[in-house]
């Protein structure tokens, strides 16, 4: 990988790390308010105005990552891949900082609230961490191909596979939302649905990546 690309990924990674700390610090404050004895289900429902602020914070976090990725990438697809890279670093470091500050989660199998838009996403900690690792590895390989003049460019079929995989993963996270909203505890995580989504996304990337490796240098 070229030095310039390493530099861009390094600073994108630094941004992801710092975002992970900020995210973790906000969650530490929220849990101190709503879960003084430690986070657990059922989900605490606070004031509506504060909930709206929290939803806005989630949206703004996505916007921050988009802005940095737009500055760091050389083309549209590389910007998208760097967005995924930052998201992955952010998510993993978020859990690391929570572990360092409040010793949570107890294990990778602990249930967590992952997102609130448009409904609560819940799942064991290992699931978003696995997705994040896939994001990081894919981005590094994509940037490496760009540097070699063999850009990764998914076909329409591969885009359809990847998007379908992403939607399926989100559905696996949202499967228990009615129970959570009703004040219950999530009962089970749909592993077949989740791994189907992972498999579709991975297959799409691997197809596009192998094709890129066989291209003539541009």
N, C-alpha and C. Protein backbone atom coordinates (compact mmCIF):
# COMPACT_ATOMS: atom_id res chain seq x y z
N UNK A 1 0.84 -1.20 0.00
CA UNK A 1 0.00 0.00 0.00
C UNK A 1 0.88 1.25 0.00
N UNK A 2 0.49 2.26 -0.78
CA UNK A 2 1.28 3.47 -0.88
C UNK A 2 1.26 4.26 0.44
N UNK A 3 2.35 5.04 0.64
CA UNK A 3 2.47 5.81 1.88
C UNK A 3 1.31 6.77 2.05
N UNK A 4 0.88 7.40 0.95
CA UNK A 4 -0.22 8.35 1.03
C UNK A 4 -1.50 7.67 1.48
N UNK A 5 -1.74 6.46 0.98
CA UNK A 5 -2.94 5.72 1.40
C UNK A 5 -2.86 5.32 2.86
N UNK A 6 -1.67 4.90 3.30
CA UNK A 6 -1.49 4.57 4.71
C UNK A 6 -1.75 5.79 5.59
N UNK A 7 -1.30 6.94 5.12
CA UNK A 7 -1.51 8.17 5.88
C UNK A 7 -3.00 8.48 6.00
N UNK A 8 -3.73 8.34 4.90
CA UNK A 8 -5.16 8.64 4.92
C UNK A 8 -5.91 7.66 5.82
N UNK A 9 -5.56 6.38 5.75
CA UNK A 9 -6.22 5.39 6.60
C UNK A 9 -5.84 5.58 8.06
N UNK A 10 -4.59 6.00 8.30
CA UNK A 10 -4.16 6.25 9.67
C UNK A 10 -5.01 7.34 10.31
N UNK A 11 -5.19 8.46 9.60
CA UNK A 11 -5.96 9.56 10.17
C UNK A 11 -7.44 9.25 10.22
N UNK A 12 -7.93 8.48 9.25
CA UNK A 12 -9.33 8.03 9.31
C UNK A 12 -9.51 7.14 10.54
N UNK A 13 -8.51 6.28 10.80
CA UNK A 13 -8.58 5.43 11.98
C UNK A 13 -8.53 6.22 13.27
N UNK A 14 -7.69 7.25 13.32
CA UNK A 14 -7.62 8.11 14.50
C UNK A 14 -8.98 8.76 14.75
N UNK A 15 -9.62 9.21 13.68
CA UNK A 15 -10.96 9.81 13.83
C UNK A 15 -11.94 8.78 14.38
N UNK A 16 -11.88 7.54 13.86
CA UNK A 16 -12.77 6.50 14.36
C UNK A 16 -12.52 6.20 15.83
N UNK A 17 -11.26 6.20 16.25
CA UNK A 17 -10.93 5.95 17.65
C UNK A 17 -11.48 7.05 18.55
N UNK A 18 -11.28 8.30 18.13
CA UNK A 18 -11.77 9.41 18.96
C UNK A 18 -13.30 9.42 19.01
N UNK A 19 -13.95 9.07 17.90
CA UNK A 19 -15.41 8.97 17.91
C UNK A 19 -15.86 7.86 18.85
N UNK A 20 -15.10 6.77 18.86
CA UNK A 20 -15.44 5.68 19.77
C UNK A 20 -15.42 6.12 21.22
N UNK A 21 -14.43 6.96 21.56
CA UNK A 21 -14.36 7.45 22.94
C UNK A 21 -15.52 8.38 23.26
N UNK A 22 -15.81 9.32 22.33
CA UNK A 22 -16.91 10.24 22.57
C UNK A 22 -18.24 9.48 22.71
N UNK A 23 -18.46 8.51 21.85
CA UNK A 23 -19.68 7.71 21.92
C UNK A 23 -19.76 6.98 23.27
N UNK A 24 -18.64 6.37 23.67
CA UNK A 24 -18.62 5.64 24.93
C UNK A 24 -18.88 6.57 26.11
N UNK A 25 -18.30 7.78 26.06
CA UNK A 25 -18.48 8.71 27.18
C UNK A 25 -19.94 9.14 27.31
N UNK A 26 -20.61 9.36 26.18
CA UNK A 26 -22.03 9.72 26.22
C UNK A 26 -22.84 8.58 26.84
N UNK A 27 -22.54 7.37 26.43
CA UNK A 27 -23.26 6.21 26.96
C UNK A 27 -23.00 6.04 28.45
N UNK A 28 -21.78 6.31 28.90
CA UNK A 28 -21.47 6.24 30.34
C UNK A 28 -22.38 7.20 31.10
N UNK A 29 -22.53 8.45 30.59
CA UNK A 29 -23.40 9.42 31.25
C UNK A 29 -24.86 8.96 31.25
N UNK A 30 -25.33 8.49 30.10
CA UNK A 30 -26.72 8.06 29.99
C UNK A 30 -27.02 6.89 30.93
N UNK A 31 -26.09 5.96 31.02
CA UNK A 31 -26.32 4.81 31.89
C UNK A 31 -26.26 5.20 33.36
N UNK A 32 -25.43 6.20 33.68
CA UNK A 32 -25.40 6.68 35.06
C UNK A 32 -26.74 7.30 35.45
N UNK A 33 -27.43 7.90 34.48
CA UNK A 33 -28.72 8.54 34.74
C UNK A 33 -29.85 7.50 34.76
N UNK A 34 -29.90 6.66 33.70
CA UNK A 34 -31.04 5.76 33.55
C UNK A 34 -30.81 4.37 34.14
N UNK A 35 -29.56 3.97 34.29
CA UNK A 35 -29.26 2.64 34.83
C UNK A 35 -28.17 2.75 35.91
N UNK A 36 -28.47 3.41 37.02
CA UNK A 36 -27.44 3.64 38.05
C UNK A 36 -26.86 2.35 38.62
N UNK A 37 -27.60 1.25 38.53
CA UNK A 37 -27.10 -0.02 39.04
C UNK A 37 -26.51 -0.90 37.94
N UNK A 38 -26.33 -0.32 36.76
CA UNK A 38 -25.77 -1.07 35.64
C UNK A 38 -26.81 -1.34 34.58
N UNK A 39 -26.38 -1.33 33.32
CA UNK A 39 -27.32 -1.49 32.20
C UNK A 39 -27.90 -2.89 32.18
N UNK A 40 -29.21 -2.94 31.97
CA UNK A 40 -29.91 -4.20 31.77
C UNK A 40 -31.27 -3.90 31.16
N UNK A 41 -31.86 -4.88 30.53
CA UNK A 41 -33.22 -4.74 30.05
C UNK A 41 -34.17 -4.94 31.23
N UNK A 42 -35.37 -4.33 31.22
CA UNK A 42 -36.02 -3.64 30.10
C UNK A 42 -35.42 -2.27 29.80
N UNK A 43 -35.69 -1.80 28.60
CA UNK A 43 -35.17 -0.53 28.13
C UNK A 43 -35.83 0.61 28.89
N UNK A 44 -35.01 1.50 29.45
CA UNK A 44 -35.53 2.66 30.17
C UNK A 44 -35.98 3.72 29.16
N UNK A 45 -37.19 4.19 29.32
CA UNK A 45 -37.73 5.22 28.42
C UNK A 45 -37.74 6.54 29.17
N UNK A 46 -36.94 7.49 28.71
CA UNK A 46 -36.85 8.79 29.37
C UNK A 46 -37.78 9.80 28.74
N UNK A 47 -37.48 11.06 28.98
CA UNK A 47 -38.29 12.15 28.43
C UNK A 47 -38.22 12.14 26.92
N UNK A 48 -39.34 12.50 26.29
CA UNK A 48 -39.42 12.50 24.83
C UNK A 48 -38.42 13.47 24.21
N UNK A 49 -38.27 14.65 24.82
CA UNK A 49 -37.35 15.63 24.25
C UNK A 49 -35.90 15.13 24.29
N UNK A 50 -35.53 14.42 25.36
CA UNK A 50 -34.18 13.88 25.44
C UNK A 50 -33.99 12.73 24.46
N UNK A 51 -35.05 11.95 24.25
CA UNK A 51 -34.98 10.87 23.27
C UNK A 51 -34.74 11.44 21.87
N UNK A 52 -35.40 12.55 21.56
CA UNK A 52 -35.21 13.18 20.25
C UNK A 52 -33.78 13.70 20.10
N UNK A 53 -33.23 14.22 21.19
CA UNK A 53 -31.84 14.67 21.15
C UNK A 53 -30.91 13.49 20.87
N UNK A 54 -31.18 12.36 21.50
CA UNK A 54 -30.37 11.16 21.30
C UNK A 54 -30.48 10.66 19.85
N UNK A 55 -31.67 10.68 19.30
CA UNK A 55 -31.84 10.28 17.89
C UNK A 55 -31.06 11.22 16.98
N UNK A 56 -31.11 12.51 17.28
CA UNK A 56 -30.35 13.48 16.50
C UNK A 56 -28.86 13.25 16.61
N UNK A 57 -28.39 12.88 17.79
CA UNK A 57 -26.97 12.61 17.97
C UNK A 57 -26.53 11.43 17.11
N UNK A 58 -27.35 10.40 17.03
CA UNK A 58 -27.02 9.26 16.20
C UNK A 58 -26.91 9.66 14.73
N UNK A 59 -27.85 10.47 14.27
CA UNK A 59 -27.80 10.93 12.88
C UNK A 59 -26.58 11.80 12.62
N UNK A 60 -26.26 12.67 13.56
CA UNK A 60 -25.11 13.55 13.38
C UNK A 60 -23.80 12.76 13.39
N UNK A 61 -23.76 11.68 14.14
CA UNK A 61 -22.56 10.83 14.15
C UNK A 61 -22.32 10.24 12.76
N UNK A 62 -23.39 9.79 12.12
CA UNK A 62 -23.29 9.27 10.76
C UNK A 62 -22.80 10.37 9.81
N UNK A 63 -23.32 11.58 10.01
CA UNK A 63 -22.91 12.71 9.17
C UNK A 63 -21.44 13.04 9.35
N UNK A 64 -20.93 12.96 10.55
CA UNK A 64 -19.51 13.22 10.81
C UNK A 64 -18.63 12.22 10.06
N UNK A 65 -19.01 10.95 10.11
CA UNK A 65 -18.23 9.93 9.41
C UNK A 65 -18.27 10.17 7.91
N UNK A 66 -19.45 10.50 7.39
CA UNK A 66 -19.59 10.78 5.95
C UNK A 66 -18.67 11.92 5.53
N UNK A 67 -18.61 12.98 6.34
CA UNK A 67 -17.80 14.14 5.98
C UNK A 67 -16.32 13.78 5.89
N UNK A 68 -15.83 13.04 6.87
CA UNK A 68 -14.41 12.66 6.86
C UNK A 68 -14.11 11.70 5.71
N UNK A 69 -15.01 10.74 5.48
CA UNK A 69 -14.81 9.80 4.38
C UNK A 69 -14.80 10.51 3.03
N UNK A 70 -15.65 11.54 2.89
CA UNK A 70 -15.68 12.29 1.64
C UNK A 70 -14.36 13.01 1.38
N UNK A 71 -13.72 13.45 2.44
CA UNK A 71 -12.43 14.14 2.30
C UNK A 71 -11.29 13.16 2.08
N UNK A 72 -11.40 11.95 2.62
CA UNK A 72 -10.29 11.01 2.59
C UNK A 72 -10.22 10.16 1.33
N UNK A 73 -11.36 9.92 0.66
CA UNK A 73 -11.38 9.04 -0.49
C UNK A 73 -11.02 9.73 -1.79
N UNK A 74 -10.48 8.95 -2.74
CA UNK A 74 -10.10 9.50 -4.05
C UNK A 74 -11.22 9.42 -5.06
N UNK A 75 -12.19 8.55 -4.83
CA UNK A 75 -13.34 8.41 -5.72
C UNK A 75 -14.52 7.95 -4.88
N UNK A 76 -15.68 7.86 -5.52
CA UNK A 76 -16.91 7.59 -4.78
C UNK A 76 -16.85 6.26 -4.04
N UNK A 77 -16.37 5.21 -4.71
CA UNK A 77 -16.37 3.90 -4.08
C UNK A 77 -15.35 3.83 -2.95
N UNK A 78 -14.20 4.49 -3.12
CA UNK A 78 -13.22 4.50 -2.04
C UNK A 78 -13.74 5.30 -0.86
N UNK A 79 -14.47 6.37 -1.13
CA UNK A 79 -15.07 7.13 -0.02
C UNK A 79 -16.05 6.27 0.76
N UNK A 80 -16.83 5.49 0.03
CA UNK A 80 -17.77 4.58 0.69
C UNK A 80 -17.02 3.56 1.54
N UNK A 81 -15.93 3.01 1.02
CA UNK A 81 -15.17 2.01 1.76
C UNK A 81 -14.52 2.63 3.00
N UNK A 82 -14.03 3.87 2.89
CA UNK A 82 -13.42 4.52 4.05
C UNK A 82 -14.49 4.86 5.09
N UNK A 83 -15.69 5.19 4.63
CA UNK A 83 -16.81 5.37 5.56
C UNK A 83 -17.00 4.09 6.38
N UNK A 84 -17.02 2.95 5.71
CA UNK A 84 -17.18 1.67 6.41
C UNK A 84 -16.01 1.40 7.35
N UNK A 85 -14.80 1.79 6.92
CA UNK A 85 -13.60 1.61 7.75
C UNK A 85 -13.73 2.41 9.05
N UNK A 86 -14.09 3.69 8.94
CA UNK A 86 -14.24 4.53 10.12
C UNK A 86 -15.33 3.99 11.02
N UNK A 87 -16.45 3.59 10.42
CA UNK A 87 -17.57 3.05 11.19
C UNK A 87 -17.11 1.82 11.98
N UNK A 88 -16.34 0.95 11.32
CA UNK A 88 -15.87 -0.25 11.98
C UNK A 88 -14.94 0.05 13.14
N UNK A 89 -13.99 0.96 12.92
CA UNK A 89 -13.05 1.34 14.00
C UNK A 89 -13.82 1.97 15.16
N UNK A 90 -14.73 2.86 14.83
CA UNK A 90 -15.56 3.54 15.83
C UNK A 90 -16.31 2.52 16.69
N UNK A 91 -16.96 1.56 16.05
CA UNK A 91 -17.78 0.61 16.76
C UNK A 91 -16.96 -0.28 17.70
N UNK A 92 -15.84 -0.78 17.20
CA UNK A 92 -15.00 -1.66 18.03
C UNK A 92 -14.39 -0.89 19.20
N UNK A 93 -13.88 0.31 18.93
CA UNK A 93 -13.27 1.10 20.01
C UNK A 93 -14.30 1.57 21.02
N UNK A 94 -15.52 1.76 20.57
CA UNK A 94 -16.62 2.11 21.49
C UNK A 94 -16.74 1.05 22.58
N UNK A 95 -16.75 -0.21 22.18
CA UNK A 95 -16.87 -1.27 23.18
C UNK A 95 -15.61 -1.40 24.04
N UNK A 96 -14.46 -1.18 23.43
CA UNK A 96 -13.22 -1.24 24.20
C UNK A 96 -13.20 -0.15 25.27
N UNK A 97 -13.61 1.06 24.90
CA UNK A 97 -13.61 2.16 25.87
C UNK A 97 -14.67 1.93 26.97
N UNK A 98 -15.82 1.35 26.60
CA UNK A 98 -16.80 1.02 27.63
C UNK A 98 -16.24 0.00 28.62
N UNK A 99 -15.53 -0.97 28.09
CA UNK A 99 -14.93 -1.99 28.96
C UNK A 99 -13.90 -1.37 29.90
N UNK A 100 -13.12 -0.42 29.36
CA UNK A 100 -12.08 0.21 30.17
C UNK A 100 -12.64 1.15 31.23
N UNK A 101 -13.77 1.80 30.92
CA UNK A 101 -14.31 2.81 31.83
C UNK A 101 -15.30 2.25 32.84
N UNK A 102 -16.22 1.39 32.39
CA UNK A 102 -17.24 0.88 33.32
C UNK A 102 -17.29 -0.65 33.34
N UNK A 103 -16.26 -1.28 32.78
CA UNK A 103 -16.17 -2.75 32.77
C UNK A 103 -17.41 -3.39 32.16
N UNK A 104 -17.88 -2.83 31.06
CA UNK A 104 -19.03 -3.37 30.33
C UNK A 104 -18.65 -3.45 28.85
N UNK A 105 -19.02 -4.48 28.13
CA UNK A 105 -19.91 -5.58 28.51
C UNK A 105 -19.17 -6.68 29.27
N UNK A 106 -19.92 -7.47 30.05
CA UNK A 106 -19.29 -8.59 30.75
C UNK A 106 -18.67 -9.61 29.80
N UNK A 107 -19.31 -9.79 28.62
CA UNK A 107 -18.79 -10.71 27.62
C UNK A 107 -19.26 -10.29 26.25
N UNK A 108 -18.71 -10.90 25.23
CA UNK A 108 -19.14 -10.60 23.85
C UNK A 108 -20.55 -11.10 23.57
N UNK A 109 -21.09 -11.91 24.44
CA UNK A 109 -22.44 -12.45 24.25
C UNK A 109 -23.50 -11.61 24.96
N UNK A 110 -23.09 -10.52 25.59
CA UNK A 110 -24.02 -9.63 26.27
C UNK A 110 -24.89 -8.89 25.25
N UNK A 111 -26.18 -8.78 25.55
CA UNK A 111 -27.09 -8.04 24.67
C UNK A 111 -26.87 -6.54 24.82
N UNK A 112 -27.03 -5.82 23.69
CA UNK A 112 -26.85 -4.37 23.71
C UNK A 112 -27.87 -3.71 22.79
N UNK A 113 -28.16 -2.46 23.09
CA UNK A 113 -28.94 -1.62 22.17
C UNK A 113 -27.96 -1.04 21.17
N UNK A 114 -28.13 -1.36 19.90
CA UNK A 114 -27.16 -0.97 18.88
C UNK A 114 -27.51 0.35 18.20
N UNK A 115 -28.80 0.60 18.01
CA UNK A 115 -29.24 1.78 17.27
C UNK A 115 -30.71 1.98 17.60
N UNK A 116 -31.22 3.17 17.36
CA UNK A 116 -32.61 3.47 17.71
C UNK A 116 -33.47 3.86 16.52
N UNK A 117 -32.87 3.97 15.32
CA UNK A 117 -33.60 4.48 14.15
C UNK A 117 -33.78 3.36 13.13
N UNK A 118 -34.99 3.10 12.63
CA UNK A 118 -36.27 3.69 13.04
C UNK A 118 -36.89 3.00 14.24
N UNK A 119 -36.35 1.81 14.59
CA UNK A 119 -36.79 1.07 15.78
C UNK A 119 -35.52 0.61 16.50
N UNK A 120 -35.64 0.20 17.75
CA UNK A 120 -34.43 -0.27 18.45
C UNK A 120 -33.82 -1.50 17.77
N UNK A 121 -32.50 -1.44 17.56
CA UNK A 121 -31.74 -2.60 17.09
C UNK A 121 -31.08 -3.22 18.32
N UNK A 122 -31.22 -4.52 18.48
CA UNK A 122 -30.57 -5.19 19.61
C UNK A 122 -29.85 -6.44 19.10
N UNK A 123 -28.81 -6.80 19.83
CA UNK A 123 -28.07 -7.99 19.46
C UNK A 123 -26.92 -8.21 20.42
N UNK A 124 -26.33 -9.39 20.41
CA UNK A 124 -25.15 -9.64 21.23
C UNK A 124 -23.98 -8.82 20.71
N UNK A 125 -23.10 -8.40 21.59
CA UNK A 125 -22.00 -7.51 21.22
C UNK A 125 -21.15 -8.08 20.09
N UNK A 126 -20.95 -9.39 20.06
CA UNK A 126 -20.08 -9.97 19.04
C UNK A 126 -20.59 -9.73 17.62
N UNK A 127 -21.90 -9.56 17.45
CA UNK A 127 -22.46 -9.42 16.11
C UNK A 127 -22.05 -8.11 15.43
N UNK A 128 -22.26 -6.93 16.06
CA UNK A 128 -21.77 -5.71 15.42
C UNK A 128 -20.25 -5.66 15.30
N UNK A 129 -19.55 -6.29 16.26
CA UNK A 129 -18.08 -6.33 16.19
C UNK A 129 -17.64 -7.12 14.96
N UNK A 130 -18.31 -8.24 14.68
CA UNK A 130 -17.98 -9.03 13.49
C UNK A 130 -18.23 -8.22 12.22
N UNK A 131 -19.35 -7.51 12.16
CA UNK A 131 -19.63 -6.65 11.00
C UNK A 131 -18.54 -5.60 10.84
N UNK A 132 -18.12 -5.01 11.94
CA UNK A 132 -17.09 -3.97 11.90
C UNK A 132 -15.76 -4.51 11.41
N UNK A 133 -15.40 -5.70 11.84
CA UNK A 133 -14.16 -6.32 11.36
C UNK A 133 -14.22 -6.55 9.85
N UNK A 134 -15.37 -6.97 9.36
CA UNK A 134 -15.54 -7.16 7.91
C UNK A 134 -15.38 -5.83 7.17
N UNK A 135 -15.93 -4.75 7.74
CA UNK A 135 -15.80 -3.42 7.13
C UNK A 135 -14.32 -3.03 7.03
N UNK A 136 -13.60 -3.19 8.12
CA UNK A 136 -12.20 -2.75 8.17
C UNK A 136 -11.35 -3.53 7.17
N UNK A 137 -11.49 -4.85 7.17
CA UNK A 137 -10.69 -5.68 6.26
C UNK A 137 -11.02 -5.36 4.81
N UNK A 138 -12.31 -5.22 4.49
CA UNK A 138 -12.71 -4.92 3.12
C UNK A 138 -12.13 -3.60 2.64
N UNK A 139 -12.18 -2.57 3.50
CA UNK A 139 -11.66 -1.26 3.11
C UNK A 139 -10.17 -1.32 2.83
N UNK A 140 -9.41 -1.99 3.68
CA UNK A 140 -7.96 -2.08 3.47
C UNK A 140 -7.66 -2.75 2.13
N UNK A 141 -8.38 -3.81 1.81
CA UNK A 141 -8.16 -4.51 0.54
C UNK A 141 -8.57 -3.65 -0.65
N UNK A 142 -9.64 -2.88 -0.50
CA UNK A 142 -10.10 -2.00 -1.59
C UNK A 142 -9.07 -0.90 -1.87
N UNK A 143 -8.57 -0.26 -0.82
CA UNK A 143 -7.57 0.80 -0.99
C UNK A 143 -6.29 0.22 -1.58
N UNK A 144 -5.93 -0.97 -1.16
CA UNK A 144 -4.74 -1.63 -1.69
C UNK A 144 -4.89 -1.88 -3.19
N UNK A 145 -6.06 -2.30 -3.62
CA UNK A 145 -6.30 -2.51 -5.05
C UNK A 145 -6.25 -1.20 -5.82
N UNK A 146 -6.81 -0.14 -5.24
CA UNK A 146 -6.76 1.18 -5.88
C UNK A 146 -5.31 1.58 -6.12
N UNK A 147 -4.46 1.37 -5.12
CA UNK A 147 -3.05 1.73 -5.23
C UNK A 147 -2.35 0.94 -6.33
N UNK A 148 -2.80 -0.27 -6.56
CA UNK A 148 -2.18 -1.13 -7.57
C UNK A 148 -2.75 -0.93 -8.97
N UNK A 149 -3.71 0.02 -9.08
CA UNK A 149 -4.31 0.26 -10.38
C UNK A 149 -5.29 -0.82 -10.80
N UNK A 150 -5.80 -1.56 -9.84
CA UNK A 150 -6.80 -2.60 -10.09
C UNK A 150 -8.02 -2.33 -9.20
N UNK A 151 -8.76 -1.29 -9.49
CA UNK A 151 -9.86 -0.89 -8.60
C UNK A 151 -10.95 -1.94 -8.50
N UNK A 152 -11.50 -2.06 -7.30
CA UNK A 152 -12.64 -2.95 -7.07
C UNK A 152 -13.90 -2.21 -7.47
N UNK A 153 -14.63 -2.77 -8.43
CA UNK A 153 -15.86 -2.14 -8.89
C UNK A 153 -16.96 -3.22 -8.95
N UNK A 154 -17.82 -3.30 -7.94
CA UNK A 154 -18.86 -4.33 -7.93
C UNK A 154 -19.83 -4.17 -9.10
N UNK A 155 -20.29 -5.30 -9.60
CA UNK A 155 -21.31 -5.29 -10.65
C UNK A 155 -22.67 -5.02 -10.02
N UNK A 156 -23.69 -4.85 -10.86
CA UNK A 156 -25.04 -4.64 -10.34
C UNK A 156 -25.49 -5.82 -9.48
N UNK A 157 -25.15 -7.03 -9.93
CA UNK A 157 -25.50 -8.21 -9.15
C UNK A 157 -24.82 -8.18 -7.79
N UNK A 158 -23.56 -7.81 -7.77
CA UNK A 158 -22.82 -7.77 -6.51
C UNK A 158 -23.34 -6.68 -5.58
N UNK A 159 -23.71 -5.54 -6.16
CA UNK A 159 -24.34 -4.50 -5.34
C UNK A 159 -25.64 -5.00 -4.74
N UNK A 160 -26.43 -5.70 -5.57
CA UNK A 160 -27.71 -6.24 -5.09
C UNK A 160 -27.48 -7.24 -3.96
N UNK A 161 -26.46 -8.08 -4.11
CA UNK A 161 -26.13 -9.05 -3.06
C UNK A 161 -25.71 -8.34 -1.78
N UNK A 162 -24.84 -7.34 -1.91
CA UNK A 162 -24.34 -6.63 -0.74
C UNK A 162 -25.45 -5.87 -0.01
N UNK A 163 -26.28 -5.18 -0.79
CA UNK A 163 -27.38 -4.41 -0.18
C UNK A 163 -28.38 -5.35 0.48
N UNK A 164 -28.68 -6.45 -0.20
CA UNK A 164 -29.60 -7.44 0.39
C UNK A 164 -29.03 -8.00 1.68
N UNK A 165 -27.72 -8.28 1.67
CA UNK A 165 -27.07 -8.78 2.88
C UNK A 165 -27.16 -7.79 4.02
N UNK A 166 -26.94 -6.50 3.71
CA UNK A 166 -27.03 -5.47 4.74
C UNK A 166 -28.43 -5.36 5.32
N UNK A 167 -29.43 -5.42 4.45
CA UNK A 167 -30.82 -5.35 4.92
C UNK A 167 -31.16 -6.54 5.80
N UNK A 168 -30.69 -7.72 5.40
CA UNK A 168 -30.96 -8.93 6.19
C UNK A 168 -30.30 -8.84 7.57
N UNK A 169 -29.08 -8.31 7.62
CA UNK A 169 -28.41 -8.14 8.91
C UNK A 169 -29.20 -7.18 9.80
N UNK A 170 -29.65 -6.07 9.22
CA UNK A 170 -30.45 -5.11 9.99
C UNK A 170 -31.73 -5.76 10.50
N UNK A 171 -32.37 -6.56 9.65
CA UNK A 171 -33.59 -7.26 10.08
C UNK A 171 -33.31 -8.19 11.26
N UNK A 172 -32.14 -8.84 11.24
CA UNK A 172 -31.80 -9.73 12.36
C UNK A 172 -31.65 -8.93 13.66
N UNK A 173 -31.15 -7.69 13.56
CA UNK A 173 -31.02 -6.84 14.73
C UNK A 173 -32.37 -6.31 15.21
N UNK A 174 -33.30 -6.13 14.26
CA UNK A 174 -34.59 -5.52 14.59
C UNK A 174 -35.67 -6.56 14.94
N UNK A 175 -35.34 -7.83 14.87
CA UNK A 175 -36.34 -8.87 15.05
C UNK A 175 -37.04 -8.81 16.40
N UNK A 176 -36.33 -8.39 17.44
CA UNK A 176 -36.88 -8.38 18.79
C UNK A 176 -37.39 -7.01 19.23
N UNK A 177 -37.53 -6.06 18.28
CA UNK A 177 -37.81 -4.69 18.69
C UNK A 177 -39.16 -4.54 19.40
N UNK A 178 -40.17 -5.32 18.98
CA UNK A 178 -41.48 -5.21 19.63
C UNK A 178 -41.40 -5.61 21.10
N UNK A 179 -40.65 -6.65 21.37
CA UNK A 179 -40.48 -7.10 22.76
C UNK A 179 -39.77 -6.01 23.57
N UNK A 180 -38.74 -5.42 22.98
CA UNK A 180 -37.97 -4.39 23.69
C UNK A 180 -38.83 -3.16 23.95
N UNK A 181 -39.59 -2.72 22.94
CA UNK A 181 -40.45 -1.54 23.11
C UNK A 181 -41.52 -1.80 24.17
N UNK A 182 -41.99 -3.05 24.24
CA UNK A 182 -43.03 -3.40 25.21
C UNK A 182 -42.49 -3.54 26.62
N UNK A 183 -41.18 -3.37 26.79
CA UNK A 183 -40.60 -3.44 28.11
C UNK A 183 -40.07 -4.80 28.50
N UNK A 184 -39.90 -5.67 27.51
CA UNK A 184 -39.39 -7.00 27.79
C UNK A 184 -37.91 -7.12 27.48
N UNK A 185 -37.39 -8.30 27.69
CA UNK A 185 -35.99 -8.59 27.39
C UNK A 185 -35.91 -9.37 26.08
N UNK A 186 -34.92 -9.04 25.23
CA UNK A 186 -34.77 -9.83 23.99
C UNK A 186 -34.56 -11.30 24.33
N UNK A 187 -35.21 -12.16 23.55
CA UNK A 187 -35.21 -13.58 23.89
C UNK A 187 -34.17 -14.38 23.11
N UNK A 188 -34.02 -14.07 21.84
CA UNK A 188 -33.08 -14.85 21.03
C UNK A 188 -32.60 -14.02 19.85
N UNK A 189 -31.42 -14.32 19.40
CA UNK A 189 -30.85 -13.66 18.23
C UNK A 189 -30.89 -14.65 17.07
N UNK A 190 -31.44 -14.19 15.94
CA UNK A 190 -31.64 -15.09 14.81
C UNK A 190 -30.32 -15.29 14.06
N UNK A 191 -29.57 -16.28 14.47
CA UNK A 191 -28.27 -16.55 13.86
C UNK A 191 -28.37 -16.88 12.37
N UNK A 192 -29.32 -17.72 11.94
CA UNK A 192 -29.40 -18.02 10.49
C UNK A 192 -29.59 -16.77 9.65
N UNK A 193 -30.45 -15.85 10.11
CA UNK A 193 -30.70 -14.62 9.35
C UNK A 193 -29.45 -13.76 9.32
N UNK A 194 -28.81 -13.60 10.47
CA UNK A 194 -27.61 -12.77 10.55
C UNK A 194 -26.50 -13.32 9.65
N UNK A 195 -26.22 -14.60 9.74
CA UNK A 195 -25.13 -15.16 8.95
C UNK A 195 -25.47 -15.27 7.47
N UNK A 196 -26.75 -15.32 7.14
CA UNK A 196 -27.14 -15.23 5.72
C UNK A 196 -26.74 -13.86 5.18
N UNK A 197 -27.02 -12.81 5.95
CA UNK A 197 -26.64 -11.46 5.53
C UNK A 197 -25.13 -11.32 5.40
N UNK A 198 -24.38 -11.85 6.38
CA UNK A 198 -22.92 -11.81 6.31
C UNK A 198 -22.42 -12.54 5.07
N UNK A 199 -23.00 -13.71 4.81
CA UNK A 199 -22.56 -14.52 3.68
C UNK A 199 -22.82 -13.82 2.35
N UNK A 200 -23.97 -13.18 2.22
CA UNK A 200 -24.27 -12.46 0.97
C UNK A 200 -23.30 -11.30 0.77
N UNK A 201 -23.06 -10.52 1.83
CA UNK A 201 -22.14 -9.40 1.71
C UNK A 201 -20.73 -9.86 1.41
N UNK A 202 -20.28 -10.91 2.09
CA UNK A 202 -18.93 -11.43 1.87
C UNK A 202 -18.78 -11.98 0.45
N UNK A 203 -19.79 -12.70 -0.02
CA UNK A 203 -19.73 -13.27 -1.37
C UNK A 203 -19.66 -12.17 -2.42
N UNK A 204 -20.43 -11.09 -2.22
CA UNK A 204 -20.40 -9.98 -3.16
C UNK A 204 -19.02 -9.34 -3.21
N UNK A 205 -18.43 -9.12 -2.04
CA UNK A 205 -17.11 -8.50 -2.00
C UNK A 205 -16.05 -9.41 -2.60
N UNK A 206 -16.08 -10.68 -2.25
CA UNK A 206 -15.06 -11.61 -2.75
C UNK A 206 -15.12 -11.72 -4.27
N UNK A 207 -16.32 -11.77 -4.83
CA UNK A 207 -16.46 -11.81 -6.29
C UNK A 207 -15.82 -10.58 -6.94
N UNK A 208 -16.16 -9.40 -6.40
CA UNK A 208 -15.64 -8.16 -6.97
C UNK A 208 -14.13 -8.05 -6.77
N UNK A 209 -13.65 -8.50 -5.62
CA UNK A 209 -12.22 -8.41 -5.32
C UNK A 209 -11.40 -9.33 -6.21
N UNK A 210 -11.86 -10.55 -6.40
CA UNK A 210 -11.14 -11.50 -7.26
C UNK A 210 -11.10 -10.98 -8.71
N UNK A 211 -12.21 -10.40 -9.15
CA UNK A 211 -12.22 -9.85 -10.50
C UNK A 211 -11.24 -8.70 -10.63
N UNK A 212 -11.14 -7.87 -9.59
CA UNK A 212 -10.21 -6.74 -9.62
C UNK A 212 -8.77 -7.22 -9.70
N UNK A 213 -8.45 -8.30 -8.99
CA UNK A 213 -7.08 -8.82 -9.00
C UNK A 213 -6.68 -9.30 -10.39
N UNK A 214 -7.67 -9.70 -11.18
CA UNK A 214 -7.36 -10.20 -12.52
C UNK A 214 -7.33 -9.13 -13.59
N UNK A 215 -7.59 -7.88 -13.21
CA UNK A 215 -7.60 -6.78 -14.18
C UNK A 215 -6.19 -6.38 -14.58
N UNK A 216 -6.08 -5.79 -15.77
CA UNK A 216 -4.84 -5.14 -16.16
C UNK A 216 -4.71 -3.85 -15.37
N UNK A 217 -3.47 -3.46 -15.06
CA UNK A 217 -3.27 -2.21 -14.34
C UNK A 217 -3.76 -1.03 -15.17
N UNK A 218 -4.41 -0.07 -14.49
CA UNK A 218 -4.90 1.12 -15.19
C UNK A 218 -4.08 2.33 -14.81
